[in-house]
C-alpha atoms as a PDB file:
ATOM      1  CA  MET A   1      -1.284   2.172  -3.706  1.00  0.00           C
ATOM      2  CA  ILE A   2      -5.000   1.459  -3.539  1.00  0.00           C
ATOM      3  CA  ILE A   3      -6.482  -0.317  -0.550  1.00  0.00           C
ATOM      4  CA  GLU A   4      -9.751  -2.135  -1.242  1.00  0.00           C
ATOM      5  CA  ILE A   5     -12.078  -3.435   1.443  1.00  0.00           C
ATOM      6  CA  ASP A   6     -14.485  -5.930  -0.058  1.00  0.00           C
ATOM      7  CA  GLY A   7     -17.805  -6.307   1.692  1.00  0.00           C
ATOM      8  CA  SER A   8     -21.263  -7.473   0.775  1.00  0.00           C
ATOM      9  CA  THR A   9     -21.562  -4.797  -1.928  1.00  0.00           C
ATOM     10  CA  HIS A  10     -18.852  -6.603  -3.902  1.00  0.00           C
ATOM     11  CA  LEU A  11     -20.697  -9.921  -4.115  1.00  0.00           C
ATOM     12  CA  ASN A  12     -22.269  -9.198  -7.498  1.00  0.00           C
ATOM     13  CA  LYS A  13     -19.520  -6.958  -8.871  1.00  0.00           C
ATOM     14  CA  GLY A  14     -16.775  -9.497  -9.551  1.00  0.00           C
ATOM     15  CA  ASN A  15     -16.451  -8.729 -13.263  1.00  0.00           C
ATOM     16  CA  TYR A  16     -16.495  -4.978 -12.686  1.00  0.00           C
ATOM     17  CA  ASP A  17     -13.934  -5.231  -9.870  1.00  0.00           C
ATOM     18  CA  PHE A  18     -11.646  -7.334 -12.075  1.00  0.00           C
ATOM     19  CA  PHE A  19     -11.934  -4.881 -14.980  1.00  0.00           C
ATOM     20  CA  ARG A  20     -11.304  -1.879 -12.714  1.00  0.00           C
ATOM     21  CA  GLN A  21      -8.335  -3.511 -10.968  1.00  0.00           C
ATOM     22  CA  THR A  22      -6.752  -4.508 -14.282  1.00  0.00           C
ATOM     23  CA  LYS A  23      -7.091  -0.945 -15.548  1.00  0.00           C
ATOM     24  CA  GLN A  24      -5.632   0.519 -12.336  1.00  0.00           C
ATOM     25  CA  GLU A  25      -2.675  -1.881 -12.421  1.00  0.00           C
ATOM     26  CA  LYS A  26      -1.942  -0.912 -16.027  1.00  0.00           C
ATOM     27  CA  LEU A  27      -1.745   2.685 -14.793  1.00  0.00           C
ATOM     28  CA  GLY A  28       0.886   1.611 -12.261  1.00  0.00           C
ATOM     29  CA  TYR A  29      -1.218   1.318  -9.138  1.00  0.00           C
ATOM     30  CA  ILE A  30      -0.806  -1.513  -6.671  1.00  0.00           C
ATOM     31  CA  ILE A  31      -4.028  -2.833  -5.188  1.00  0.00           C
ATOM     32  CA  ILE A  32      -4.188  -4.521  -1.806  1.00  0.00           C
ATOM     33  CA  ARG A  33      -7.483  -6.189  -0.949  1.00  0.00           C
ATOM     34  CA  PHE A  34      -8.964  -7.059   2.406  1.00  0.00           C
ATOM     35  CA  SER A  35     -12.320  -8.527   3.259  1.00  0.00           C
ATOM     36  CA  GLU A  36     -14.650  -6.518   5.440  1.00  0.00           C
ATOM     37  CA  GLY A  37     -14.585  -9.313   8.011  1.00  0.00           C
ATOM     38  CA  GLU A  38     -10.801  -9.321   8.069  1.00  0.00           C
ATOM     39  CA  VAL A  39     -10.739  -5.584   8.774  1.00  0.00           C
ATOM     40  CA  ILE A  40     -13.345  -5.875  11.531  1.00  0.00           C
ATOM     41  CA  GLN A  41     -11.936  -8.993  13.170  1.00  0.00           C
ATOM     42  CA  ASN A  42      -8.181  -8.587  12.700  1.00  0.00           C
ATOM     43  CA  ILE A  43      -7.340  -4.925  12.164  1.00  0.00           C
ATOM     44  CA  ASP A  44      -3.826  -5.313  13.596  1.00  0.00           C
ATOM     45  CA  SER A  45      -2.897  -7.817  10.889  1.00  0.00           C
ATOM     46  CA  VAL A  46      -4.389  -5.550   8.226  1.00  0.00           C
ATOM     47  CA  LYS A  47      -2.327  -2.604   9.500  1.00  0.00           C
ATOM     48  CA  LYS A  48       0.861  -4.676   9.464  1.00  0.00           C
ATOM     49  CA  ARG A  49       0.251  -5.805   5.892  1.00  0.00           C
ATOM     50  CA  ILE A  50      -0.369  -2.216   4.779  1.00  0.00           C
ATOM     51  CA  ASP A  51       2.775  -1.041   6.597  1.00  0.00           C
ATOM     52  CA  TYR A  52       4.780  -3.786   4.875  1.00  0.00           C
ATOM     53  CA  ALA A  53       3.448  -2.759   1.469  1.00  0.00           C
ATOM     54  CA  VAL A  54       4.344   0.891   2.099  1.00  0.00           C
ATOM     55  CA  ILE A  55       7.876  -0.063   3.158  1.00  0.00           C
ATOM     56  CA  CYS A  56       8.311  -2.140  -0.001  1.00  0.00           C
ATOM     57  CA  LEU A  57       7.076   0.743  -2.145  1.00  0.00           C
ATOM     58  CA  LYS A  58       9.541   3.121  -0.508  1.00  0.00           C
ATOM     59  CA  LEU A  59      12.486   0.746  -0.819  1.00  0.00           C
ATOM     60  CA  SER A  60      12.231  -0.328  -4.400  1.00  0.00           C
ATOM     61  CA  PRO A  61       9.930  -0.277  -7.414  1.00  0.00           C
ATOM     62  CA  THR A  62      11.011  -3.882  -8.001  1.00  0.00           C
ATOM     63  CA  LEU A  63       9.658  -4.873  -4.597  1.00  0.00           C
ATOM     64  CA  ALA A  64       6.494  -2.961  -5.377  1.00  0.00           C
ATOM     65  CA  LEU A  65       5.974  -5.077  -8.490  1.00  0.00           C
ATOM     66  CA  SER A  66       6.350  -8.237  -6.419  1.00  0.00           C
ATOM     67  CA  ILE A  67       3.563  -7.067  -4.101  1.00  0.00           C
ATOM     68  CA  ARG A  68       1.175  -7.414  -7.003  1.00  0.00           C
ATOM     69  CA  LYS A  69       2.019 -11.087  -7.390  1.00  0.00           C
ATOM     70  CA  VAL A  70       2.342 -12.193  -3.781  1.00  0.00           C
ATOM     71  CA  ASP A  71      -0.370 -12.261  -1.164  1.00  0.00           C
ATOM     72  CA  LEU A  72       0.789 -10.237   1.795  1.00  0.00           C
ATOM     73  CA  LEU A  73       0.467 -12.646   4.688  1.00  0.00           C
END
């Protein structure tokens, strides 16, 4: 699992980020993205979403695949 925190440095790197994420997913990684503001302003929610993703990964590879397609709210 890769956890990405997107801040101001990502503003002009959209194409590169997309290319890199696609490559990482093809290698089997699951990427969870958070905005910098979200991490600063609502860290408890971020922690819960990460915990949920880890639980899903431990329980079942099938659940792990669904994490890729569903926003973890």
